[in-house]
Amino acid sequence: GKNQLLITPEYGPRVRLVTVLTDAPLK
């Protein structure tokens, strides 16, 4: 969004995020 936060359809920007990198062939 304009605030440079991720804005989700479900919760708007009211989320925190985490990531796992992998070589698994996920869709």
PDB file of all heavy atoms in Angstrom:
ATOM      1  N   GLY A   1       0.797  -1.213   0.000  1.00  0.00           N
ATOM      2  CA  GLY A   1       0.000   0.000   0.000  1.00  0.00           C
ATOM      3  C   GLY A   1       0.830   1.264   0.000  1.00  0.00           C
ATOM      4  O   GLY A   1       2.067   1.227  -0.019  1.00  0.00           O
ATOM      5  N   LYS A   2       0.166   2.399   0.051  1.00  0.00           N
ATOM      6  CA  LYS A   2       0.855   3.684   0.074  1.00  0.00           C
ATOM      7  C   LYS A   2       1.727   3.837   1.315  1.00  0.00           C
ATOM      8  O   LYS A   2       2.730   4.542   1.299  1.00  0.00           O
ATOM      9  CB  LYS A   2      -0.168   4.824  -0.010  1.00  0.00           C
ATOM     10  CG  LYS A   2      -0.897   4.865  -1.345  1.00  0.00           C
ATOM     11  CD  LYS A   2      -1.923   5.979  -1.417  1.00  0.00           C
ATOM     12  CE  LYS A   2      -2.643   5.955  -2.765  1.00  0.00           C
ATOM     13  NZ  LYS A   2      -3.680   6.987  -2.880  1.00  0.00           N
ATOM     14  N   ASN A   3       1.341   3.151   2.396  1.00  0.00           N
ATOM     15  CA  ASN A   3       2.138   3.184   3.623  1.00  0.00           C
ATOM     16  C   ASN A   3       3.297   2.202   3.586  1.00  0.00           C
ATOM     17  O   ASN A   3       4.017   2.056   4.564  1.00  0.00           O
ATOM     18  CB  ASN A   3       1.249   2.882   4.835  1.00  0.00           C
ATOM     19  CG  ASN A   3       0.427   1.615   4.659  1.00  0.00           C
ATOM     20  OD1 ASN A   3       0.698   0.791   3.784  1.00  0.00           O
ATOM     21  ND2 ASN A   3      -0.584   1.466   5.495  1.00  0.00           N
ATOM     22  N   GLN A   4       3.466   1.529   2.425  1.00  0.00           N
ATOM     23  CA  GLN A   4       4.527   0.551   2.206  1.00  0.00           C
ATOM     24  C   GLN A   4       4.401  -0.681   3.112  1.00  0.00           C
ATOM     25  O   GLN A   4       5.365  -1.395   3.355  1.00  0.00           O
ATOM     26  CB  GLN A   4       5.916   1.195   2.334  1.00  0.00           C
ATOM     27  CG  GLN A   4       6.217   2.209   1.250  1.00  0.00           C
ATOM     28  CD  GLN A   4       6.088   1.607  -0.149  1.00  0.00           C
ATOM     29  OE1 GLN A   4       6.963   0.863  -0.592  1.00  0.00           O
ATOM     30  NE2 GLN A   4       4.998   1.900  -0.854  1.00  0.00           N
ATOM     31  N   LEU A   5       3.203  -0.903   3.624  1.00  0.00           N
ATOM     32  CA  LEU A   5       2.904  -2.130   4.349  1.00  0.00           C
ATOM     33  C   LEU A   5       2.165  -3.089   3.417  1.00  0.00           C
ATOM     34  O   LEU A   5       1.530  -2.656   2.456  1.00  0.00           O
ATOM     35  CB  LEU A   5       2.003  -1.835   5.558  1.00  0.00           C
ATOM     36  CG  LEU A   5       2.563  -0.899   6.631  1.00  0.00           C
ATOM     37  CD1 LEU A   5       1.513  -0.677   7.719  1.00  0.00           C
ATOM     38  CD2 LEU A   5       3.843  -1.457   7.234  1.00  0.00           C
ATOM     39  N   LEU A   6       2.270  -4.388   3.712  1.00  0.00           N
ATOM     40  CA  LEU A   6       1.445  -5.337   2.991  1.00  0.00           C
ATOM     41  C   LEU A   6       0.003  -5.153   3.452  1.00  0.00           C
ATOM     42  O   LEU A   6      -0.271  -5.117   4.651  1.00  0.00           O
ATOM     43  CB  LEU A   6       1.878  -6.777   3.271  1.00  0.00           C
ATOM     44  CG  LEU A   6       1.031  -7.803   2.505  1.00  0.00           C
ATOM     45  CD1 LEU A   6       1.530  -7.961   1.088  1.00  0.00           C
ATOM     46  CD2 LEU A   6       0.988  -9.137   3.229  1.00  0.00           C
ATOM     47  N   ILE A   7      -0.921  -5.032   2.503  1.00  0.00           N
ATOM     48  CA  ILE A   7      -2.339  -4.911   2.834  1.00  0.00           C
ATOM     49  C   ILE A   7      -3.053  -6.143   2.286  1.00  0.00           C
ATOM     50  O   ILE A   7      -3.056  -6.381   1.075  1.00  0.00           O
ATOM     51  CB  ILE A   7      -2.944  -3.623   2.256  1.00  0.00           C
ATOM     52  CG1 ILE A   7      -2.170  -2.401   2.772  1.00  0.00           C
ATOM     53  CG2 ILE A   7      -4.420  -3.513   2.619  1.00  0.00           C
ATOM     54  CD1 ILE A   7      -2.674  -1.071   2.277  1.00  0.00           C
ATOM     55  N   THR A   8      -3.616  -6.934   3.183  1.00  0.00           N
ATOM     56  CA  THR A   8      -4.294  -8.164   2.786  1.00  0.00           C
ATOM     57  C   THR A   8      -5.789  -7.916   2.645  1.00  0.00           C
ATOM     58  O   THR A   8      -6.354  -7.081   3.357  1.00  0.00           O
ATOM     59  CB  THR A   8      -4.066  -9.271   3.836  1.00  0.00           C
ATOM     60  OG1 THR A   8      -4.738  -8.909   5.061  1.00  0.00           O
ATOM     61  CG2 THR A   8      -2.581  -9.453   4.121  1.00  0.00           C
ATOM     62  N   PRO A   9      -6.456  -8.634   1.737  1.00  0.00           N
ATOM     63  CA  PRO A   9      -7.908  -8.490   1.618  1.00  0.00           C
ATOM     64  C   PRO A   9      -8.633  -8.862   2.916  1.00  0.00           C
ATOM     65  O   PRO A   9      -9.661  -8.266   3.249  1.00  0.00           O
ATOM     66  CB  PRO A   9      -8.272  -9.462   0.486  1.00  0.00           C
ATOM     67  CG  PRO A   9      -7.018  -9.616  -0.310  1.00  0.00           C
ATOM     68  CD  PRO A   9      -5.906  -9.527   0.695  1.00  0.00           C
ATOM     69  N   GLU A  10      -8.079  -9.845   3.644  1.00  0.00           N
ATOM     70  CA  GLU A  10      -8.756 -10.349   4.840  1.00  0.00           C
ATOM     71  C   GLU A  10      -8.572  -9.449   6.065  1.00  0.00           C
ATOM     72  O   GLU A  10      -9.531  -9.196   6.806  1.00  0.00           O
ATOM     73  CB  GLU A  10      -8.228 -11.749   5.209  1.00  0.00           C
ATOM     74  CG  GLU A  10      -8.480 -12.794   4.161  1.00  0.00           C
ATOM     75  CD  GLU A  10      -7.409 -12.851   3.075  1.00  0.00           C
ATOM     76  OE1 GLU A  10      -6.525 -11.957   3.028  1.00  0.00           O
ATOM     77  OE2 GLU A  10      -7.459 -13.777   2.262  1.00  0.00           O
ATOM     78  N   TYR A  11      -7.361  -8.961   6.294  1.00  0.00           N
ATOM     79  CA  TYR A  11      -7.044  -8.252   7.538  1.00  0.00           C
ATOM     80  C   TYR A  11      -6.464  -6.859   7.313  1.00  0.00           C
ATOM     81  O   TYR A  11      -6.058  -6.205   8.275  1.00  0.00           O
ATOM     82  CB  TYR A  11      -6.045  -9.067   8.374  1.00  0.00           C
ATOM     83  CG  TYR A  11      -6.444 -10.509   8.531  1.00  0.00           C
ATOM     84  CD1 TYR A  11      -5.708 -11.527   7.923  1.00  0.00           C
ATOM     85  CD2 TYR A  11      -7.561 -10.872   9.279  1.00  0.00           C
ATOM     86  CE1 TYR A  11      -6.067 -12.859   8.062  1.00  0.00           C
ATOM     87  CE2 TYR A  11      -7.936 -12.203   9.421  1.00  0.00           C
ATOM     88  CZ  TYR A  11      -7.185 -13.191   8.802  1.00  0.00           C
ATOM     89  OH  TYR A  11      -7.557 -14.501   8.943  1.00  0.00           O
ATOM     90  N   GLY A  12      -6.441  -6.391   6.066  1.00  0.00           N
ATOM     91  CA  GLY A  12      -5.790  -5.117   5.795  1.00  0.00           C
ATOM     92  C   GLY A  12      -4.313  -5.214   6.145  1.00  0.00           C
ATOM     93  O   GLY A  12      -3.688  -6.270   5.995  1.00  0.00           O
ATOM     94  N   PRO A  13      -3.715  -4.120   6.663  1.00  0.00           N
ATOM     95  CA  PRO A  13      -2.302  -4.153   7.028  1.00  0.00           C
ATOM     96  C   PRO A  13      -2.076  -4.684   8.449  1.00  0.00           C
ATOM     97  O   PRO A  13      -0.938  -4.684   8.934  1.00  0.00           O
ATOM     98  CB  PRO A  13      -1.896  -2.682   6.927  1.00  0.00           C
ATOM     99  CG  PRO A  13      -3.136  -1.946   7.308  1.00  0.00           C
ATOM    100  CD  PRO A  13      -4.291  -2.764   6.790  1.00  0.00           C
ATOM    101  N   ARG A  14      -3.132  -5.147   9.101  1.00  0.00           N
ATOM    102  CA  ARG A  14      -3.040  -5.572  10.504  1.00  0.00           C
ATOM    103  C   ARG A  14      -2.500  -6.995  10.622  1.00  0.00           C
ATOM    104  O   ARG A  14      -3.145  -7.897  11.169  1.00  0.00           O
ATOM    105  CB  ARG A  14      -4.407  -5.441  11.169  1.00  0.00           C
ATOM    106  CG  ARG A  14      -4.918  -4.009  11.172  1.00  0.00           C
ATOM    107  CD  ARG A  14      -6.318  -3.904  11.728  1.00  0.00           C
ATOM    108  NE  ARG A  14      -6.725  -2.506  11.814  1.00  0.00           N
ATOM    109  CZ  ARG A  14      -7.537  -2.016  12.724  1.00  0.00           C
ATOM    110  NH1 ARG A  14      -8.052  -2.801  13.653  1.00  0.00           N
ATOM    111  NH2 ARG A  14      -7.857  -0.736  12.733  1.00  0.00           N
ATOM    112  N   VAL A  15      -1.320  -7.196  10.056  1.00  0.00           N
ATOM    113  CA  VAL A  15      -0.661  -8.498  10.098  1.00  0.00           C
ATOM    114  C   VAL A  15       0.833  -8.299  10.325  1.00  0.00           C
ATOM    115  O   VAL A  15       1.380  -7.220  10.083  1.00  0.00           O
ATOM    116  CB  VAL A  15      -0.855  -9.288   8.777  1.00  0.00           C
ATOM    117  CG1 VAL A  15      -2.306  -9.669   8.565  1.00  0.00           C
ATOM    118  CG2 VAL A  15      -0.316  -8.512   7.578  1.00  0.00           C
ATOM    119  N   ARG A  16       1.476  -9.351  10.812  1.00  0.00           N
ATOM    120  CA  ARG A  16       2.933  -9.442  10.835  1.00  0.00           C
ATOM    121  C   ARG A  16       3.306 -10.623   9.957  1.00  0.00           C
ATOM    122  O   ARG A  16       2.504 -11.546   9.768  1.00  0.00           O
ATOM    123  CB  ARG A  16       3.456  -9.640  12.263  1.00  0.00           C
ATOM    124  CG  ARG A  16       3.177  -8.491  13.211  1.00  0.00           C
ATOM    125  CD  ARG A  16       3.965  -7.241  12.868  1.00  0.00           C
ATOM    126  NE  ARG A  16       5.399  -7.494  12.927  1.00  0.00           N
ATOM    127  CZ  ARG A  16       6.314  -6.749  12.301  1.00  0.00           C
ATOM    128  NH1 ARG A  16       5.945  -5.722  11.556  1.00  0.00           N
ATOM    129  NH2 ARG A  16       7.608  -7.027  12.423  1.00  0.00           N
ATOM    130  N   LEU A  17       4.512 -10.617   9.414  1.00  0.00           N
ATOM    131  CA  LEU A  17       4.917 -11.612   8.427  1.00  0.00           C
ATOM    132  C   LEU A  17       6.198 -12.334   8.814  1.00  0.00           C
ATOM    133  O   LEU A  17       7.053 -11.781   9.521  1.00  0.00           O
ATOM    134  CB  LEU A  17       5.149 -10.936   7.073  1.00  0.00           C
ATOM    135  CG  LEU A  17       3.975 -10.174   6.459  1.00  0.00           C
ATOM    136  CD1 LEU A  17       4.462  -9.312   5.296  1.00  0.00           C
ATOM    137  CD2 LEU A  17       2.903 -11.149   5.985  1.00  0.00           C
ATOM    138  N   VAL A  18       6.324 -13.561   8.324  1.00  0.00           N
ATOM    139  CA  VAL A  18       7.572 -14.305   8.457  1.00  0.00           C
ATOM    140  C   VAL A  18       7.725 -15.146   7.193  1.00  0.00           C
ATOM    141  O   VAL A  18       6.736 -15.448   6.509  1.00  0.00           O
ATOM    142  CB  VAL A  18       7.571 -15.192   9.729  1.00  0.00           C
ATOM    143  CG1 VAL A  18       6.714 -16.441   9.544  1.00  0.00           C
ATOM    144  CG2 VAL A  18       8.992 -15.548  10.162  1.00  0.00           C
ATOM    145  N   THR A  19       8.963 -15.527   6.873  1.00  0.00           N
ATOM    146  CA  THR A  19       9.243 -16.229   5.619  1.00  0.00           C
ATOM    147  C   THR A  19      10.200 -17.386   5.837  1.00  0.00           C
ATOM    148  O   THR A  19      11.119 -17.301   6.650  1.00  0.00           O
ATOM    149  CB  THR A  19       9.873 -15.251   4.595  1.00  0.00           C
ATOM    150  OG1 THR A  19       9.021 -14.104   4.446  1.00  0.00           O
ATOM    151  CG2 THR A  19      10.065 -15.913   3.245  1.00  0.00           C
ATOM    152  N   VAL A  20       9.976 -18.456   5.084  1.00  0.00           N
ATOM    153  CA  VAL A  20      10.916 -19.578   5.026  1.00  0.00           C
ATOM    154  C   VAL A  20      11.341 -19.741   3.569  1.00  0.00           C
ATOM    155  O   VAL A  20      10.490 -19.895   2.688  1.00  0.00           O
ATOM    156  CB  VAL A  20      10.273 -20.896   5.522  1.00  0.00           C
ATOM    157  CG1 VAL A  20      11.230 -22.069   5.306  1.00  0.00           C
ATOM    158  CG2 VAL A  20       9.895 -20.783   6.995  1.00  0.00           C
ATOM    159  N   LEU A  21      12.630 -19.674   3.307  1.00  0.00           N
ATOM    160  CA  LEU A  21      13.144 -19.937   1.963  1.00  0.00           C
ATOM    161  C   LEU A  21      13.356 -21.435   1.804  1.00  0.00           C
ATOM    162  O   LEU A  21      13.769 -22.115   2.745  1.00  0.00           O
ATOM    163  CB  LEU A  21      14.474 -19.205   1.746  1.00  0.00           C
ATOM    164  CG  LEU A  21      14.405 -17.676   1.699  1.00  0.00           C
ATOM    165  CD1 LEU A  21      15.813 -17.091   1.576  1.00  0.00           C
ATOM    166  CD2 LEU A  21      13.533 -17.198   0.541  1.00  0.00           C
ATOM    167  N   THR A  22      13.075 -21.943   0.606  1.00  0.00           N
ATOM    168  CA  THR A  22      13.216 -23.382   0.379  1.00  0.00           C
ATOM    169  C   THR A  22      13.482 -23.655  -1.098  1.00  0.00           C
ATOM    170  O   THR A  22      13.255 -22.790  -1.957  1.00  0.00           O
ATOM    171  CB  THR A  22      11.952 -24.144   0.843  1.00  0.00           C
ATOM    172  OG1 THR A  22      12.149 -25.549   0.674  1.00  0.00           O
ATOM    173  CG2 THR A  22      10.725 -23.704   0.058  1.00  0.00           C
ATOM    174  N   ASP A  23      13.944 -24.869  -1.387  1.00  0.00           N
ATOM    175  CA  ASP A  23      14.080 -25.293  -2.779  1.00  0.00           C
ATOM    176  C   ASP A  23      12.956 -26.258  -3.151  1.00  0.00           C
ATOM    177  O   ASP A  23      12.962 -26.845  -4.234  1.00  0.00           O
ATOM    178  CB  ASP A  23      15.449 -25.921  -3.041  1.00  0.00           C
ATOM    179  CG  ASP A  23      15.731 -27.136  -2.162  1.00  0.00           C
ATOM    180  OD1 ASP A  23      14.918 -27.440  -1.265  1.00  0.00           O
ATOM    181  OD2 ASP A  23      16.782 -27.784  -2.366  1.00  0.00           O
ATOM    182  N   ALA A  24      11.981 -26.420  -2.266  1.00  0.00           N
ATOM    183  CA  ALA A  24      10.843 -27.295  -2.544  1.00  0.00           C
ATOM    184  C   ALA A  24       9.990 -26.721  -3.680  1.00  0.00           C
ATOM    185  O   ALA A  24       9.784 -25.509  -3.744  1.00  0.00           O
ATOM    186  CB  ALA A  24       9.990 -27.469  -1.286  1.00  0.00           C
ATOM    187  N   PRO A  25       9.473 -27.571  -4.573  1.00  0.00           N
ATOM    188  CA  PRO A  25       8.711 -27.100  -5.747  1.00  0.00           C
ATOM    189  C   PRO A  25       7.258 -26.774  -5.418  1.00  0.00           C
ATOM    190  O   PRO A  25       6.324 -27.396  -5.920  1.00  0.00           O
ATOM    191  CB  PRO A  25       8.806 -28.292  -6.711  1.00  0.00           C
ATOM    192  CG  PRO A  25       8.827 -29.481  -5.793  1.00  0.00           C
ATOM    193  CD  PRO A  25       9.625 -29.050  -4.576  1.00  0.00           C
ATOM    194  N   LEU A  26       7.049 -25.767  -4.590  1.00  0.00           N
ATOM    195  CA  LEU A  26       5.699 -25.387  -4.176  1.00  0.00           C
ATOM    196  C   LEU A  26       5.029 -24.537  -5.260  1.00  0.00           C
ATOM    197  O   LEU A  26       5.693 -23.772  -5.966  1.00  0.00           O
ATOM    198  CB  LEU A  26       5.770 -24.605  -2.867  1.00  0.00           C
ATOM    199  CG  LEU A  26       6.407 -25.373  -1.693  1.00  0.00           C
ATOM    200  CD1 LEU A  26       6.781 -24.413  -0.566  1.00  0.00           C
ATOM    201  CD2 LEU A  26       5.472 -26.464  -1.195  1.00  0.00           C
ATOM    202  N   LYS A  27       3.717 -24.660  -5.375  1.00  0.00           N
ATOM    203  CA  LYS A  27       2.978 -23.923  -6.399  1.00  0.00           C
ATOM    204  C   LYS A  27       2.787 -22.475  -5.974  1.00  0.00           C
ATOM    205  O   LYS A  27       2.189 -22.197  -4.943  1.00  0.00           O
ATOM    206  CB  LYS A  27       1.611 -24.573  -6.638  1.00  0.00           C
ATOM    207  CG  LYS A  27       0.832 -23.925  -7.770  1.00  0.00           C
ATOM    208  CD  LYS A  27      -0.500 -24.606  -7.996  1.00  0.00           C
ATOM    209  CE  LYS A  27      -1.274 -23.919  -9.118  1.00  0.00           C
ATOM    210  NZ  LYS A  27      -2.595 -24.559  -9.343  1.00  0.00           N
TER     211      LYS A  27
END
